Amino acid sequence: MTTATDQTGTGRIAGAPISWGVCEVPGWGYQLSPARVLTEMAQVGLAATEFGPDGFLPSDPAVMAKFLASHRLTAVGGFTPVVLHEPGHDPAPEIERLLDGYDAAHAGVLVLSAATGRDGYDTRPDLDEEGWATLLANLDRLTGLAAARSVHAVLHPHVGTMIESGEEVRRVLEGSAISLCLDTGHLLIGGTDPAELTRQAPDRIAHTHFKDVDDQIAARVRSGRLSYTEGVRTATTAAGTSWNRTPS
């Protein structure tokens, strides 16, 4: 589940395709169709959804809005992995193009993650001081670009990205002005207590992803005994579902 806070401070609950297993990582199990996911979102009483990975919803904003409306849903924004730490790479043009679609869909939250530039979430490079300076500056730049389009940018600390651990989250809070997406699962896997983070920086939390985590498996991922993908597969198997099974 996803929550955002509007200008009155009222929390709003939405869905996200990832809760139905729809993921941007190649080979991430069976991928349900958009029609089925949106139908089931409406059936459980949701009124809005995040976009999901590129290609999940129609790319044309007007067509996407019509498709969502046909399932009695609106868009709140979406999760966008983007490389932020490489001095020779400018993420702004990519984000500007994305924000054009936000205008048409009336979406208000841009959920950024600091992508490594690699496929998946099992390995990541070390971040040097130049990389940190570039990443923090880009976070503020993209926050400003989004705000100019009436969109609230948030950073999603995420396993296997450049911002994963508690120390990395702290450095973002101290070195930039961007708000955070409080993802309860990814923060716990990365070693951050989401409840404590909320107490320490309540004014920086603008979007929330509610996730369940098996902390015994998460500890094995944190220690390096399991990769993130292996951890998810292990948890899925323990829950009695098959990684690649086609749902009935």
Protein backbone atom coordinates (compact mmCIF):
# COMPACT_ATOMS: atom_id res chain seq x y z
CA MET A 1 0.00 0.00 0.00
CA THR A 2 1.04 3.59 -0.64
CA THR A 3 0.12 6.73 1.25
CA ALA A 4 0.72 10.38 0.49
CA THR A 5 -0.15 13.51 2.44
CA ASP A 6 -2.10 16.30 0.80
CA GLN A 7 -1.82 20.01 1.56
CA THR A 8 -4.31 19.70 4.43
CA GLY A 9 -2.14 17.06 6.10
CA THR A 10 -4.70 14.35 5.43
CA GLY A 11 -3.30 10.93 4.55
CA ARG A 12 -4.58 9.27 1.38
CA ILE A 13 -4.30 5.55 0.65
CA ALA A 14 -3.49 4.21 -2.81
CA GLY A 15 -2.23 0.97 -4.31
CA ALA A 16 0.89 0.15 -6.27
CA PRO A 17 1.41 -2.54 -8.92
CA ILE A 18 4.39 -3.90 -6.98
CA SER A 19 1.91 -5.16 -4.36
CA TRP A 20 0.62 -7.44 -7.13
CA GLY A 21 4.17 -8.54 -7.99
CA VAL A 22 4.61 -6.17 -10.95
CA CYS A 23 8.28 -5.15 -10.90
CA GLU A 24 10.78 -3.32 -13.10
CA VAL A 25 13.44 -6.03 -12.57
CA PRO A 26 13.69 -8.52 -15.48
CA GLY A 27 12.64 -12.05 -14.54
CA TRP A 28 10.89 -10.96 -11.34
CA GLY A 29 8.36 -13.77 -11.33
CA TYR A 30 5.06 -13.87 -13.19
CA GLN A 31 3.79 -10.42 -14.19
CA LEU A 32 0.03 -9.90 -14.00
CA SER A 33 -1.75 -7.88 -16.69
CA PRO A 34 -2.62 -4.21 -16.05
CA ALA A 35 -6.33 -4.93 -16.48
CA ARG A 36 -6.29 -7.60 -13.78
CA VAL A 37 -4.21 -5.53 -11.36
CA LEU A 38 -6.37 -2.42 -11.71
CA THR A 39 -9.58 -4.43 -11.51
CA GLU A 40 -8.44 -6.03 -8.26
CA MET A 41 -7.33 -2.65 -6.86
CA ALA A 42 -10.84 -1.29 -7.42
CA GLN A 43 -12.38 -4.45 -5.96
CA VAL A 44 -10.53 -3.97 -2.66
CA GLY A 45 -11.70 -0.37 -2.45
CA LEU A 46 -8.69 1.59 -3.68
CA ALA A 47 -9.30 4.80 -5.61
CA ALA A 48 -5.75 5.53 -6.83
CA THR A 49 -2.52 3.82 -7.82
CA GLU A 50 1.11 4.48 -8.56
CA PHE A 51 2.07 4.08 -12.22
CA GLY A 52 4.15 0.93 -11.90
CA PRO A 53 7.26 0.24 -14.02
CA ASP A 54 7.74 1.69 -17.51
CA GLY A 55 5.46 -0.06 -19.98
CA PHE A 56 2.95 -1.31 -17.42
CA LEU A 57 0.42 1.45 -18.15
CA PRO A 58 -0.03 3.13 -21.57
CA SER A 59 2.78 5.58 -22.29
CA ASP A 60 0.49 8.27 -23.71
CA PRO A 61 -0.72 10.27 -20.68
CA ALA A 62 -4.22 10.87 -22.04
CA VAL A 63 -4.66 7.19 -22.93
CA MET A 64 -3.32 6.19 -19.51
CA ALA A 65 -5.72 8.53 -17.71
CA LYS A 66 -8.63 7.09 -19.71
CA PHE A 67 -7.47 3.54 -18.95
CA LEU A 68 -7.27 4.30 -15.22
CA ALA A 69 -10.67 5.99 -15.27
CA SER A 70 -12.19 2.91 -16.90
CA HIS A 71 -11.17 1.05 -13.73
CA ARG A 72 -12.37 3.89 -11.45
CA LEU A 73 -8.80 4.81 -10.47
CA THR A 74 -6.61 7.90 -10.60
CA ALA A 75 -2.79 8.20 -10.57
CA VAL A 76 -0.77 9.47 -7.62
CA GLY A 77 2.64 9.28 -9.31
CA GLY A 78 5.20 6.54 -9.42
CA PHE A 79 8.53 4.93 -8.61
CA THR A 80 11.36 6.14 -10.84
CA PRO A 81 14.87 4.67 -10.59
CA VAL A 82 17.34 7.25 -11.89
CA VAL A 83 21.13 7.49 -11.85
CA LEU A 84 22.02 10.46 -9.66
CA HIS A 85 25.65 9.91 -8.64
CA GLU A 86 27.59 9.98 -11.92
CA PRO A 87 29.18 13.41 -12.58
CA GLY A 88 28.92 12.98 -16.35
CA HIS A 89 25.23 12.08 -16.36
CA ASP A 90 22.44 14.66 -16.24
CA PRO A 91 19.15 13.15 -15.00
CA ALA A 92 17.12 16.33 -15.55
CA PRO A 93 16.02 15.77 -19.20
CA GLU A 94 14.67 12.31 -18.34
CA ILE A 95 12.73 13.70 -15.38
CA GLU A 96 11.39 16.64 -17.38
CA ARG A 97 9.95 14.24 -19.96
CA LEU A 98 8.43 12.17 -17.20
CA LEU A 99 6.85 15.22 -15.59
CA ASP A 100 5.06 16.01 -18.87
CA GLY A 101 3.05 12.84 -18.23
CA TYR A 102 2.43 13.84 -14.62
CA ASP A 103 0.75 17.02 -15.86
CA ALA A 104 -1.67 15.11 -18.07
CA ALA A 105 -2.42 12.45 -15.44
CA HIS A 106 -2.74 15.00 -12.61
CA ALA A 107 -0.25 12.97 -10.56
CA GLY A 108 1.45 14.68 -7.65
CA VAL A 109 4.29 12.51 -6.24
CA LEU A 110 7.57 11.67 -7.98
CA VAL A 111 9.16 8.73 -6.11
CA LEU A 112 12.87 8.70 -6.96
CA SER A 113 15.39 6.01 -6.16
CA ALA A 114 19.13 6.47 -6.55
CA ALA A 115 19.75 3.77 -9.15
CA THR A 116 23.16 2.16 -9.48
CA GLY A 117 23.04 1.94 -13.26
CA ARG A 118 23.12 -1.86 -13.01
CA ASP A 119 20.31 -4.34 -13.56
CA GLY A 120 18.53 -5.54 -10.45
CA TYR A 121 19.26 -4.86 -6.79
CA ASP A 122 21.88 -7.44 -5.86
CA THR A 123 25.09 -5.40 -6.28
CA ARG A 124 26.04 -1.75 -6.08
CA PRO A 125 29.23 0.29 -6.47
CA ASP A 126 30.90 2.24 -3.66
CA LEU A 127 30.05 5.94 -3.60
CA ASP A 128 33.03 8.30 -3.31
CA GLU A 129 32.89 11.93 -2.18
CA GLU A 130 32.49 13.24 -5.73
CA GLY A 131 29.63 10.82 -6.23
CA TRP A 132 27.99 11.94 -3.00
CA ALA A 133 28.27 15.60 -3.94
CA THR A 134 26.76 14.90 -7.36
CA LEU A 135 23.93 12.79 -5.91
CA LEU A 136 22.95 15.35 -3.27
CA ALA A 137 23.05 18.22 -5.76
CA ASN A 138 20.90 16.26 -8.20
CA LEU A 139 18.35 15.50 -5.50
CA ASP A 140 17.88 19.21 -4.88
CA ARG A 141 17.80 19.98 -8.61
CA LEU A 142 15.13 17.39 -9.29
CA THR A 143 13.13 18.51 -6.26
CA GLY A 144 13.07 21.99 -7.76
CA LEU A 145 12.13 20.74 -11.23
CA ALA A 146 9.25 18.76 -9.79
CA ALA A 147 8.05 21.62 -7.57
CA ALA A 148 7.92 23.91 -10.60
CA ARG A 149 5.38 21.47 -12.06
CA SER A 150 3.41 21.21 -8.77
CA VAL A 151 4.82 17.73 -8.13
CA HIS A 152 6.35 16.66 -4.81
CA ALA A 153 9.62 14.75 -5.25
CA VAL A 154 10.57 12.18 -2.62
CA LEU A 155 13.57 9.87 -2.32
CA HIS A 156 12.92 6.16 -1.78
CA PRO A 157 15.74 4.48 0.19
CA HIS A 158 15.87 1.07 -1.44
CA VAL A 159 17.93 -2.09 -1.12
CA GLY A 160 20.51 -2.32 -3.89
CA THR A 161 20.50 1.40 -4.70
CA MET A 162 22.98 4.09 -3.73
CA ILE A 163 20.82 5.01 -0.73
CA GLU A 164 20.16 1.88 1.31
CA SER A 165 21.67 1.99 4.81
CA GLY A 166 20.76 4.13 7.80
CA GLU A 167 23.96 6.13 7.45
CA GLU A 168 23.18 6.86 3.81
CA VAL A 169 19.64 7.99 4.70
CA ARG A 170 21.07 10.26 7.39
CA ARG A 171 23.50 11.81 4.91
CA VAL A 172 20.64 12.56 2.51
CA LEU A 173 18.64 14.22 5.29
CA GLU A 174 21.61 16.36 6.27
CA GLY A 175 22.88 17.15 2.78
CA SER A 176 19.72 17.84 0.78
CA ALA A 177 16.22 19.21 1.15
CA ILE A 178 14.34 16.36 -0.54
CA SER A 179 11.50 14.63 1.29
CA LEU A 180 11.54 10.88 1.86
CA CYS A 181 9.36 7.96 0.90
CA LEU A 182 9.09 5.90 4.08
CA ASP A 183 9.20 2.33 2.77
CA THR A 184 8.85 0.17 5.86
CA GLY A 185 10.30 -2.92 4.19
CA HIS A 186 13.32 -1.48 2.43
CA LEU A 187 14.29 0.65 5.43
CA LEU A 188 14.22 -2.36 7.75
CA ILE A 189 16.26 -4.49 5.35
CA GLY A 190 18.77 -1.64 5.10
CA GLY A 191 19.05 -1.40 8.89
CA THR A 192 16.80 1.60 9.61
CA ASP A 193 13.87 1.50 12.03
CA PRO A 194 11.11 3.31 10.08
CA ALA A 195 9.25 4.27 13.26
CA GLU A 196 12.38 5.86 14.71
CA LEU A 197 13.10 7.67 11.44
CA THR A 198 9.58 9.10 11.52
CA ARG A 199 10.14 10.35 15.06
CA GLN A 200 13.50 11.89 14.16
CA ALA A 201 12.45 13.60 10.91
CA PRO A 202 8.64 13.82 10.75
CA ASP A 203 8.71 16.89 8.53
CA ARG A 204 10.71 15.02 5.86
CA ILE A 205 8.24 12.13 5.38
CA ALA A 206 5.83 12.86 2.52
CA HIS A 207 5.00 9.44 1.06
CA THR A 208 4.84 5.94 2.55
CA HIS A 209 5.07 2.40 1.19
CA PHE A 210 3.72 -0.17 3.64
CA LYS A 211 5.63 -3.46 3.25
CA ASP A 212 5.88 -6.70 5.22
CA VAL A 213 9.33 -8.14 5.98
CA ASP A 214 10.49 -11.44 7.46
CA ASP A 215 13.23 -10.05 9.70
CA GLN A 216 15.12 -13.36 9.88
CA ILE A 217 15.45 -13.39 6.10
CA ALA A 218 16.17 -9.64 6.08
CA ALA A 219 19.06 -10.22 8.50
CA ARG A 220 20.57 -12.74 6.09
CA VAL A 221 20.30 -10.17 3.27
CA ARG A 222 21.90 -7.46 5.44
CA SER A 223 24.79 -9.79 6.33
CA GLY A 224 25.38 -10.76 2.70
CA ARG A 225 24.47 -14.42 3.22
CA LEU A 226 21.61 -13.95 0.75
CA SER A 227 21.30 -11.57 -2.18
CA TYR A 228 18.18 -9.42 -2.25
CA THR A 229 16.71 -11.54 -5.05
CA GLU A 230 17.43 -14.73 -3.12
CA GLY A 231 15.81 -13.20 -0.03
CA VAL A 232 12.63 -12.33 -1.90
CA ARG A 233 12.54 -15.81 -3.46
CA THR A 234 13.04 -17.42 -0.05
CA ALA A 235 10.26 -15.33 1.51
CA THR A 236 7.94 -16.08 -1.40
CA THR A 237 8.56 -19.82 -1.08
CA ALA A 238 8.06 -19.69 2.70
CA ALA A 239 4.71 -17.97 2.13
CA GLY A 240 3.59 -20.94 0.04
CA THR A 241 3.68 -19.30 -3.39
CA SER A 242 5.84 -20.06 -6.39
CA TRP A 243 8.25 -17.50 -7.84
CA ASN A 244 7.24 -18.14 -11.43
CA ARG A 245 3.80 -19.73 -11.04
CA THR A 246 1.06 -18.36 -13.27
CA PRO A 247 -1.81 -17.29 -11.00
CA SER A 248 -5.18 -18.95 -11.50
